[in-house]
Amino acid sequence: MKEIIVAGKKDKSLIYWNMNYKGKLRRTWMMVPICIVLMVVAPFYTANEYGSVMVGIVFDVVLFVVMVLQLLYNMKKAKEEERQNRMNGPSAPRLG
């Protein structure tokens, strides 16, 4: 598999901050099922622990908004990165 390196950042890395936007987008998509599970569990947990479902619902709303914004941002940046890679062509020097 070809590894894409942009501005010293790798497509696949263990550390999120060392990844390019294509890798960050992939990692964000991998987190969606985990967030869905958290969004289902949170109201039940907060109802048990704090006696109020509202805390869990607020958590769900905040988590949902953050995930959607992160997905949209990473999609936009990944498209820009891909467009930049196509413009530079395969002969451009690679960093890393």
N, C-alpha and C. Protein backbone atom coordinates (compact mmCIF):
# COMPACT_ATOMS: atom_id res chain seq x y z
N MET A 1 0.84 -1.18 0.00
CA MET A 1 0.00 0.00 0.00
C MET A 1 0.89 1.25 0.00
N LYS A 2 0.54 2.18 -0.84
CA LYS A 2 1.31 3.41 -0.95
C LYS A 2 0.95 4.35 0.20
N GLU A 3 1.95 4.89 0.84
CA GLU A 3 1.74 5.79 1.96
C GLU A 3 1.84 7.22 1.45
N ILE A 4 0.82 8.02 1.68
CA ILE A 4 0.81 9.40 1.22
C ILE A 4 1.39 10.27 2.32
N ILE A 5 2.35 11.10 1.95
CA ILE A 5 2.98 11.98 2.92
C ILE A 5 2.82 13.41 2.43
N VAL A 6 2.20 14.26 3.24
CA VAL A 6 1.98 15.65 2.90
C VAL A 6 2.54 16.52 4.01
N ALA A 7 3.44 17.39 3.65
CA ALA A 7 4.04 18.33 4.61
C ALA A 7 4.56 17.60 5.84
N GLY A 8 5.19 16.45 5.62
CA GLY A 8 5.77 15.71 6.72
C GLY A 8 4.78 14.88 7.52
N LYS A 9 3.53 14.81 7.06
CA LYS A 9 2.52 14.05 7.79
C LYS A 9 2.16 12.80 7.01
N LYS A 10 1.85 11.73 7.75
CA LYS A 10 1.58 10.44 7.13
C LYS A 10 0.09 10.15 7.10
N ASP A 11 -0.28 9.32 6.13
CA ASP A 11 -1.66 8.89 5.99
C ASP A 11 -2.06 7.97 7.15
N LYS A 12 -1.14 7.11 7.57
CA LYS A 12 -1.42 6.20 8.68
C LYS A 12 -0.38 6.43 9.77
N SER A 13 -0.86 6.70 10.95
CA SER A 13 0.02 6.93 12.08
C SER A 13 -0.75 6.58 13.35
N LEU A 14 -0.05 6.23 14.38
CA LEU A 14 -0.70 5.94 15.65
C LEU A 14 -1.15 7.24 16.32
N ILE A 15 -0.38 8.30 16.13
CA ILE A 15 -0.65 9.58 16.77
C ILE A 15 -1.48 10.45 15.82
N TYR A 16 -2.64 10.89 16.30
CA TYR A 16 -3.60 11.65 15.49
C TYR A 16 -2.97 12.91 14.91
N TRP A 17 -2.17 13.61 15.69
CA TRP A 17 -1.62 14.90 15.26
C TRP A 17 -0.57 14.74 14.17
N ASN A 18 0.00 13.54 14.00
CA ASN A 18 1.00 13.31 12.96
C ASN A 18 0.37 12.85 11.65
N MET A 19 -0.95 12.81 11.58
CA MET A 19 -1.64 12.30 10.39
C MET A 19 -2.01 13.45 9.45
N ASN A 20 -2.10 13.12 8.16
CA ASN A 20 -2.65 14.09 7.22
C ASN A 20 -4.18 14.02 7.33
N TYR A 21 -4.87 14.88 6.57
CA TYR A 21 -6.33 14.96 6.73
C TYR A 21 -7.05 13.72 6.23
N LYS A 22 -6.50 13.02 5.27
CA LYS A 22 -7.12 11.78 4.82
C LYS A 22 -7.12 10.75 5.95
N GLY A 23 -6.02 10.66 6.66
CA GLY A 23 -5.94 9.75 7.79
C GLY A 23 -6.83 10.19 8.94
N LYS A 24 -6.90 11.50 9.18
CA LYS A 24 -7.77 12.02 10.24
C LYS A 24 -9.23 11.74 9.92
N LEU A 25 -9.59 11.86 8.64
CA LEU A 25 -10.97 11.57 8.24
C LEU A 25 -11.29 10.10 8.46
N ARG A 26 -10.36 9.23 8.09
CA ARG A 26 -10.56 7.80 8.30
C ARG A 26 -10.71 7.50 9.80
N ARG A 27 -9.88 8.11 10.63
CA ARG A 27 -9.95 7.89 12.08
C ARG A 27 -11.27 8.42 12.64
N THR A 28 -11.75 9.55 12.13
CA THR A 28 -13.02 10.10 12.59
C THR A 28 -14.17 9.16 12.24
N TRP A 29 -14.16 8.60 11.02
CA TRP A 29 -15.19 7.64 10.63
C TRP A 29 -15.15 6.40 11.52
N MET A 30 -13.96 6.00 11.95
CA MET A 30 -13.84 4.84 12.83
C MET A 30 -14.42 5.13 14.22
N MET A 31 -14.44 6.39 14.62
CA MET A 31 -14.95 6.76 15.93
C MET A 31 -16.47 6.89 15.96
N VAL A 32 -17.12 6.97 14.81
CA VAL A 32 -18.58 7.15 14.76
C VAL A 32 -19.33 6.04 15.50
N PRO A 33 -19.02 4.75 15.28
CA PRO A 33 -19.75 3.71 16.04
C PRO A 33 -19.56 3.82 17.55
N ILE A 34 -18.36 4.19 17.97
CA ILE A 34 -18.10 4.36 19.41
C ILE A 34 -18.95 5.50 19.97
N CYS A 35 -19.04 6.58 19.22
CA CYS A 35 -19.85 7.71 19.66
C CYS A 35 -21.33 7.35 19.72
N ILE A 36 -21.79 6.55 18.77
CA ILE A 36 -23.19 6.12 18.78
C ILE A 36 -23.48 5.31 20.04
N VAL A 37 -22.58 4.40 20.38
CA VAL A 37 -22.75 3.61 21.61
C VAL A 37 -22.77 4.53 22.83
N LEU A 38 -21.86 5.49 22.88
CA LEU A 38 -21.84 6.44 24.00
C LEU A 38 -23.13 7.24 24.08
N MET A 39 -23.66 7.61 22.91
CA MET A 39 -24.89 8.41 22.89
C MET A 39 -26.09 7.60 23.36
N VAL A 40 -26.06 6.30 23.18
CA VAL A 40 -27.15 5.44 23.67
C VAL A 40 -27.00 5.21 25.17
N VAL A 41 -25.78 5.00 25.63
CA VAL A 41 -25.53 4.66 27.04
C VAL A 41 -25.63 5.88 27.96
N ALA A 42 -25.22 7.05 27.49
CA ALA A 42 -25.12 8.24 28.35
C ALA A 42 -26.41 8.58 29.10
N PRO A 43 -27.57 8.64 28.45
CA PRO A 43 -28.78 8.99 29.21
C PRO A 43 -29.11 7.97 30.31
N PHE A 44 -28.89 6.69 30.04
CA PHE A 44 -29.15 5.67 31.06
C PHE A 44 -28.19 5.81 32.24
N TYR A 45 -26.93 6.05 31.93
CA TYR A 45 -25.92 6.21 32.98
C TYR A 45 -26.22 7.44 33.84
N THR A 46 -26.50 8.56 33.20
CA THR A 46 -26.75 9.78 33.98
C THR A 46 -28.05 9.68 34.76
N ALA A 47 -29.04 8.97 34.23
CA ALA A 47 -30.30 8.78 34.98
C ALA A 47 -30.03 7.96 36.24
N ASN A 48 -29.19 6.96 36.12
CA ASN A 48 -28.84 6.12 37.27
C ASN A 48 -27.96 6.86 38.27
N GLU A 49 -26.95 7.52 37.75
CA GLU A 49 -25.92 8.14 38.60
C GLU A 49 -26.37 9.47 39.20
N TYR A 50 -27.04 10.30 38.40
CA TYR A 50 -27.38 11.65 38.84
C TYR A 50 -28.88 11.87 38.98
N GLY A 51 -29.68 10.91 38.60
CA GLY A 51 -31.12 11.06 38.73
C GLY A 51 -31.73 11.95 37.67
N SER A 52 -30.99 12.25 36.61
CA SER A 52 -31.50 13.12 35.55
C SER A 52 -31.01 12.64 34.19
N VAL A 53 -31.94 12.52 33.28
CA VAL A 53 -31.59 12.12 31.92
C VAL A 53 -31.07 13.32 31.14
N MET A 54 -31.40 14.52 31.58
CA MET A 54 -31.03 15.73 30.84
C MET A 54 -29.51 15.87 30.68
N VAL A 55 -28.75 15.50 31.68
CA VAL A 55 -27.29 15.58 31.58
C VAL A 55 -26.81 14.70 30.43
N GLY A 56 -27.35 13.51 30.33
CA GLY A 56 -26.99 12.60 29.24
C GLY A 56 -27.41 13.13 27.89
N ILE A 57 -28.58 13.75 27.82
CA ILE A 57 -29.06 14.31 26.56
C ILE A 57 -28.19 15.48 26.13
N VAL A 58 -27.80 16.32 27.08
CA VAL A 58 -26.90 17.43 26.76
C VAL A 58 -25.56 16.89 26.26
N PHE A 59 -25.05 15.87 26.92
CA PHE A 59 -23.81 15.22 26.47
C PHE A 59 -23.96 14.70 25.05
N ASP A 60 -25.10 14.05 24.77
CA ASP A 60 -25.36 13.52 23.43
C ASP A 60 -25.37 14.62 22.37
N VAL A 61 -26.02 15.72 22.67
CA VAL A 61 -26.11 16.82 21.71
C VAL A 61 -24.72 17.40 21.45
N VAL A 62 -23.96 17.63 22.50
CA VAL A 62 -22.61 18.18 22.34
C VAL A 62 -21.73 17.21 21.54
N LEU A 63 -21.78 15.93 21.88
CA LEU A 63 -20.99 14.93 21.16
C LEU A 63 -21.38 14.86 19.69
N PHE A 64 -22.67 14.90 19.40
CA PHE A 64 -23.15 14.85 18.03
C PHE A 64 -22.67 16.05 17.23
N VAL A 65 -22.81 17.24 17.80
CA VAL A 65 -22.39 18.47 17.10
C VAL A 65 -20.89 18.44 16.84
N VAL A 66 -20.10 18.05 17.83
CA VAL A 66 -18.65 18.00 17.66
C VAL A 66 -18.26 16.98 16.59
N MET A 67 -18.88 15.80 16.59
CA MET A 67 -18.56 14.78 15.58
C MET A 67 -18.92 15.25 14.18
N VAL A 68 -20.08 15.86 14.01
CA VAL A 68 -20.49 16.35 12.69
C VAL A 68 -19.54 17.44 12.21
N LEU A 69 -19.21 18.38 13.08
CA LEU A 69 -18.28 19.45 12.69
C LEU A 69 -16.90 18.89 12.35
N GLN A 70 -16.43 17.92 13.13
CA GLN A 70 -15.13 17.32 12.85
C GLN A 70 -15.14 16.57 11.52
N LEU A 71 -16.21 15.84 11.24
CA LEU A 71 -16.32 15.13 9.97
C LEU A 71 -16.33 16.11 8.79
N LEU A 72 -17.14 17.16 8.90
CA LEU A 72 -17.22 18.14 7.81
C LEU A 72 -15.88 18.83 7.58
N TYR A 73 -15.22 19.22 8.66
CA TYR A 73 -13.93 19.89 8.54
C TYR A 73 -12.89 18.98 7.91
N ASN A 74 -12.81 17.73 8.39
CA ASN A 74 -11.83 16.80 7.84
C ASN A 74 -12.13 16.44 6.40
N MET A 75 -13.42 16.35 6.04
CA MET A 75 -13.78 16.09 4.63
C MET A 75 -13.30 17.23 3.74
N LYS A 76 -13.57 18.45 4.18
CA LYS A 76 -13.17 19.62 3.40
C LYS A 76 -11.65 19.66 3.23
N LYS A 77 -10.93 19.47 4.32
CA LYS A 77 -9.47 19.54 4.26
C LYS A 77 -8.88 18.38 3.47
N ALA A 78 -9.48 17.18 3.56
CA ALA A 78 -8.99 16.03 2.80
C ALA A 78 -9.16 16.27 1.30
N LYS A 79 -10.29 16.89 0.91
CA LYS A 79 -10.50 17.21 -0.51
C LYS A 79 -9.48 18.23 -0.98
N GLU A 80 -9.22 19.25 -0.16
CA GLU A 80 -8.21 20.26 -0.51
C GLU A 80 -6.84 19.61 -0.64
N GLU A 81 -6.52 18.72 0.28
CA GLU A 81 -5.24 18.03 0.27
C GLU A 81 -5.10 17.16 -0.99
N GLU A 82 -6.17 16.46 -1.35
CA GLU A 82 -6.16 15.62 -2.55
C GLU A 82 -5.99 16.47 -3.81
N ARG A 83 -6.69 17.59 -3.85
CA ARG A 83 -6.58 18.50 -5.00
C ARG A 83 -5.15 19.04 -5.10
N GLN A 84 -4.56 19.38 -3.97
CA GLN A 84 -3.18 19.88 -3.94
C GLN A 84 -2.20 18.79 -4.40
N ASN A 85 -2.44 17.55 -3.99
CA ASN A 85 -1.58 16.45 -4.41
C ASN A 85 -1.67 16.23 -5.92
N ARG A 86 -2.87 16.34 -6.48
CA ARG A 86 -3.03 16.17 -7.93
C ARG A 86 -2.34 17.28 -8.70
N MET A 87 -2.38 18.50 -8.16
CA MET A 87 -1.74 19.63 -8.83
C MET A 87 -0.22 19.49 -8.79
N ASN A 88 0.31 19.01 -7.68
CA ASN A 88 1.76 18.85 -7.55
C ASN A 88 2.28 17.70 -8.39
N GLY A 89 1.45 16.69 -8.59
CA GLY A 89 1.85 15.55 -9.41
C GLY A 89 2.76 14.60 -8.68
N PRO A 90 3.03 13.45 -9.28
CA PRO A 90 3.86 12.44 -8.63
C PRO A 90 5.34 12.81 -8.58
N SER A 91 5.75 13.78 -9.39
CA SER A 91 7.17 14.14 -9.43
C SER A 91 7.57 15.11 -8.32
N ALA A 92 6.60 15.56 -7.54
CA ALA A 92 6.90 16.50 -6.46
C ALA A 92 7.73 15.80 -5.39
N PRO A 93 8.70 16.49 -4.80
CA PRO A 93 9.52 15.87 -3.75
C PRO A 93 8.68 15.51 -2.54
N ARG A 94 8.99 14.37 -1.95
CA ARG A 94 8.26 13.92 -0.77
C ARG A 94 9.07 14.22 0.47
N LEU A 95 8.37 14.63 1.49
CA LEU A 95 9.01 14.91 2.77
C LEU A 95 8.85 13.71 3.68
N GLY A 96 9.82 13.48 4.54
CA GLY A 96 9.65 12.42 5.54
C GLY A 96 10.53 11.30 5.26
